[in-house]
Amino acid sequence: MYLPDHGGPITSGDFMKVRIDYTICNSCGLCREVCPEWAITQKYLEPRHLYEVHAEKCTGCGECLEYCPAPGALVQYEL
């Protein structure tokens, strides 16, 4: 598939993003460590050391999903 205004071929990650379900997340930070785009950062003013995904940086590659020890804490969604 190709979209002219996209500038190139479209891969499955182009329309996927990842978000964190804070009710399941154990705040280990592994997702931040493995993200190749540095799209996950710590929310410093949170007492529980929560992390957040910056949608503008997230490519939807899903690398973080494989390393998360809390099943369901990272959710991949389609745009």
N, C-alpha and C. Protein backbone atom coordinates (compact mmCIF):
# COMPACT_ATOMS: atom_id res chain seq x y z
N MET A 1 0.84 -1.18 0.00
CA MET A 1 0.00 0.00 0.00
C MET A 1 0.88 1.24 0.00
N TYR A 2 0.44 2.27 -0.70
CA TYR A 2 1.21 3.51 -0.79
C TYR A 2 0.26 4.70 -0.75
N LEU A 3 0.58 5.67 0.07
CA LEU A 3 -0.19 6.91 0.10
C LEU A 3 0.71 8.04 -0.36
N PRO A 4 0.28 8.83 -1.34
CA PRO A 4 1.13 9.89 -1.87
C PRO A 4 1.59 10.89 -0.81
N ASP A 5 0.72 11.31 0.10
CA ASP A 5 1.12 12.32 1.08
C ASP A 5 1.90 11.72 2.24
N HIS A 6 2.01 10.39 2.30
CA HIS A 6 2.76 9.75 3.36
C HIS A 6 4.25 9.75 3.03
N GLY A 7 4.59 9.74 1.77
CA GLY A 7 5.97 9.82 1.35
C GLY A 7 6.67 8.49 1.17
N GLY A 8 5.94 7.40 1.19
CA GLY A 8 6.60 6.12 0.98
C GLY A 8 5.69 4.96 1.30
N PRO A 9 6.27 3.77 1.29
CA PRO A 9 5.48 2.59 1.58
C PRO A 9 4.96 2.62 3.01
N ILE A 10 3.83 2.00 3.25
CA ILE A 10 3.23 1.96 4.57
C ILE A 10 3.44 0.58 5.16
N THR A 11 3.96 0.55 6.37
CA THR A 11 4.11 -0.70 7.08
C THR A 11 3.06 -0.76 8.19
N SER A 12 2.91 -1.93 8.79
CA SER A 12 1.86 -2.09 9.80
C SER A 12 2.02 -1.13 10.97
N GLY A 13 3.24 -0.76 11.33
CA GLY A 13 3.48 0.13 12.46
C GLY A 13 3.06 1.57 12.21
N ASP A 14 2.84 1.95 10.94
CA ASP A 14 2.51 3.33 10.63
C ASP A 14 1.19 3.78 11.23
N PHE A 15 0.28 2.87 11.47
CA PHE A 15 -1.02 3.24 12.00
C PHE A 15 -1.25 2.65 13.38
N MET A 16 -0.19 2.20 14.02
CA MET A 16 -0.29 1.61 15.35
C MET A 16 0.43 2.50 16.36
N LYS A 17 -0.08 2.53 17.57
CA LYS A 17 0.56 3.24 18.67
C LYS A 17 0.43 2.36 19.90
N VAL A 18 1.13 2.72 20.96
CA VAL A 18 1.08 1.98 22.22
C VAL A 18 0.69 2.95 23.32
N ARG A 19 -0.12 2.47 24.25
CA ARG A 19 -0.46 3.27 25.43
C ARG A 19 -0.29 2.39 26.66
N ILE A 20 -0.22 3.01 27.82
CA ILE A 20 -0.02 2.29 29.07
C ILE A 20 -1.32 2.26 29.85
N ASP A 21 -1.69 1.08 30.32
CA ASP A 21 -2.84 0.93 31.21
C ASP A 21 -2.28 1.01 32.63
N TYR A 22 -2.49 2.14 33.29
CA TYR A 22 -1.88 2.38 34.60
C TYR A 22 -2.46 1.51 35.71
N THR A 23 -3.61 0.90 35.49
CA THR A 23 -4.17 0.01 36.50
C THR A 23 -3.43 -1.33 36.54
N ILE A 24 -2.69 -1.63 35.47
CA ILE A 24 -1.95 -2.90 35.38
C ILE A 24 -0.44 -2.69 35.49
N CYS A 25 0.04 -1.56 35.03
CA CYS A 25 1.48 -1.27 34.99
C CYS A 25 2.10 -1.37 36.39
N ASN A 26 3.27 -2.04 36.47
CA ASN A 26 3.96 -2.15 37.75
C ASN A 26 5.13 -1.16 37.87
N SER A 27 5.25 -0.25 36.93
CA SER A 27 6.24 0.84 36.95
C SER A 27 7.69 0.35 36.95
N CYS A 28 7.95 -0.76 36.28
CA CYS A 28 9.31 -1.30 36.26
C CYS A 28 10.24 -0.52 35.33
N GLY A 29 9.68 0.09 34.28
CA GLY A 29 10.49 0.88 33.37
C GLY A 29 11.15 0.12 32.24
N LEU A 30 10.89 -1.18 32.12
CA LEU A 30 11.50 -1.96 31.04
C LEU A 30 11.07 -1.44 29.67
N CYS A 31 9.84 -0.99 29.55
CA CYS A 31 9.36 -0.47 28.27
C CYS A 31 10.21 0.71 27.81
N ARG A 32 10.55 1.57 28.75
CA ARG A 32 11.39 2.73 28.43
C ARG A 32 12.78 2.30 27.98
N GLU A 33 13.30 1.29 28.63
CA GLU A 33 14.66 0.82 28.31
C GLU A 33 14.77 0.22 26.91
N VAL A 34 13.73 -0.44 26.43
CA VAL A 34 13.82 -1.13 25.15
C VAL A 34 13.24 -0.34 23.97
N CYS A 35 12.58 0.77 24.23
CA CYS A 35 11.98 1.55 23.14
C CYS A 35 13.07 2.15 22.26
N PRO A 36 13.11 1.77 20.97
CA PRO A 36 14.15 2.28 20.08
C PRO A 36 13.96 3.75 19.70
N GLU A 37 12.79 4.29 19.94
CA GLU A 37 12.51 5.68 19.57
C GLU A 37 12.52 6.63 20.77
N TRP A 38 12.79 6.13 21.96
CA TRP A 38 12.75 6.92 23.19
C TRP A 38 11.39 7.60 23.35
N ALA A 39 10.34 6.89 23.02
CA ALA A 39 8.99 7.44 23.08
C ALA A 39 8.35 7.29 24.46
N ILE A 40 9.00 6.57 25.35
CA ILE A 40 8.46 6.35 26.69
C ILE A 40 9.37 7.04 27.71
N THR A 41 8.79 7.91 28.50
CA THR A 41 9.56 8.63 29.51
C THR A 41 8.86 8.55 30.86
N GLN A 42 9.60 8.88 31.89
CA GLN A 42 9.05 8.85 33.25
C GLN A 42 8.29 10.14 33.52
N LYS A 43 7.16 9.99 34.22
CA LYS A 43 6.40 11.15 34.70
C LYS A 43 6.97 11.49 36.07
N TYR A 44 7.83 12.48 36.14
CA TYR A 44 8.61 12.73 37.35
C TYR A 44 7.81 13.20 38.56
N LEU A 45 6.69 13.81 38.37
CA LEU A 45 5.94 14.32 39.51
C LEU A 45 4.94 13.31 40.07
N GLU A 46 5.02 12.09 39.61
CA GLU A 46 4.13 11.03 40.10
C GLU A 46 4.84 10.26 41.21
N PRO A 47 4.19 10.03 42.34
CA PRO A 47 4.84 9.29 43.42
C PRO A 47 5.11 7.82 43.10
N ARG A 48 4.37 7.26 42.13
CA ARG A 48 4.52 5.85 41.78
C ARG A 48 5.51 5.63 40.63
N HIS A 49 6.20 6.64 40.19
CA HIS A 49 7.15 6.54 39.07
C HIS A 49 6.48 6.01 37.81
N LEU A 50 5.39 6.61 37.44
CA LEU A 50 4.67 6.19 36.24
C LEU A 50 5.43 6.62 34.99
N TYR A 51 5.15 5.92 33.91
CA TYR A 51 5.76 6.24 32.61
C TYR A 51 4.67 6.64 31.65
N GLU A 52 5.05 7.38 30.62
CA GLU A 52 4.07 7.80 29.62
C GLU A 52 4.64 7.58 28.22
N VAL A 53 3.74 7.30 27.28
CA VAL A 53 4.12 7.11 25.89
C VAL A 53 3.81 8.40 25.15
N HIS A 54 4.80 8.94 24.47
CA HIS A 54 4.60 10.15 23.66
C HIS A 54 4.19 9.70 22.26
N ALA A 55 2.91 9.87 21.96
CA ALA A 55 2.34 9.37 20.71
C ALA A 55 3.05 9.92 19.48
N GLU A 56 3.55 11.14 19.56
CA GLU A 56 4.23 11.72 18.40
C GLU A 56 5.56 11.05 18.10
N LYS A 57 6.16 10.39 19.09
CA LYS A 57 7.42 9.68 18.88
C LYS A 57 7.23 8.19 18.66
N CYS A 58 6.13 7.64 19.15
CA CYS A 58 5.86 6.21 19.07
C CYS A 58 5.62 5.80 17.61
N THR A 59 6.37 4.79 17.16
CA THR A 59 6.21 4.30 15.78
C THR A 59 5.30 3.07 15.73
N GLY A 60 4.90 2.57 16.90
CA GLY A 60 4.03 1.39 16.93
C GLY A 60 4.76 0.09 16.66
N CYS A 61 6.06 0.07 16.82
CA CYS A 61 6.84 -1.13 16.50
C CYS A 61 6.51 -2.30 17.41
N GLY A 62 6.06 -2.03 18.63
CA GLY A 62 5.69 -3.08 19.56
C GLY A 62 6.83 -3.71 20.31
N GLU A 63 8.02 -3.16 20.19
CA GLU A 63 9.19 -3.71 20.89
C GLU A 63 8.94 -3.77 22.40
N CYS A 64 8.31 -2.76 22.94
CA CYS A 64 8.05 -2.70 24.38
C CYS A 64 7.08 -3.79 24.84
N LEU A 65 6.17 -4.20 23.97
CA LEU A 65 5.18 -5.20 24.33
C LEU A 65 5.82 -6.54 24.70
N GLU A 66 6.89 -6.87 24.01
CA GLU A 66 7.57 -8.14 24.23
C GLU A 66 8.28 -8.22 25.57
N TYR A 67 8.68 -7.09 26.11
CA TYR A 67 9.47 -7.08 27.34
C TYR A 67 8.65 -6.78 28.59
N CYS A 68 7.43 -6.36 28.44
CA CYS A 68 6.62 -5.97 29.59
C CYS A 68 6.27 -7.20 30.45
N PRO A 69 6.65 -7.18 31.76
CA PRO A 69 6.36 -8.31 32.63
C PRO A 69 4.93 -8.32 33.17
N ALA A 70 4.18 -7.24 32.93
CA ALA A 70 2.80 -7.14 33.41
C ALA A 70 1.85 -7.27 32.22
N PRO A 71 1.35 -8.48 31.96
CA PRO A 71 0.49 -8.70 30.78
C PRO A 71 -0.69 -7.74 30.74
N GLY A 72 -0.82 -7.04 29.62
CA GLY A 72 -1.92 -6.11 29.42
C GLY A 72 -1.62 -4.68 29.83
N ALA A 73 -0.45 -4.43 30.42
CA ALA A 73 -0.12 -3.06 30.83
C ALA A 73 0.16 -2.15 29.64
N LEU A 74 0.74 -2.71 28.59
CA LEU A 74 0.98 -1.97 27.36
C LEU A 74 -0.03 -2.44 26.34
N VAL A 75 -0.75 -1.50 25.78
CA VAL A 75 -1.82 -1.82 24.84
C VAL A 75 -1.49 -1.19 23.50
N GLN A 76 -1.46 -2.01 22.46
CA GLN A 76 -1.24 -1.49 21.11
C GLN A 76 -2.60 -1.22 20.47
N TYR A 77 -2.76 -0.04 19.89
CA TYR A 77 -4.03 0.32 19.29
C TYR A 77 -3.82 0.89 17.90
N GLU A 78 -4.85 0.82 17.10
CA GLU A 78 -4.81 1.31 15.73
C GLU A 78 -5.33 2.72 15.66
N LEU A 79 -4.70 3.54 14.85
CA LEU A 79 -5.16 4.93 14.66
C LEU A 79 -6.33 4.98 13.71
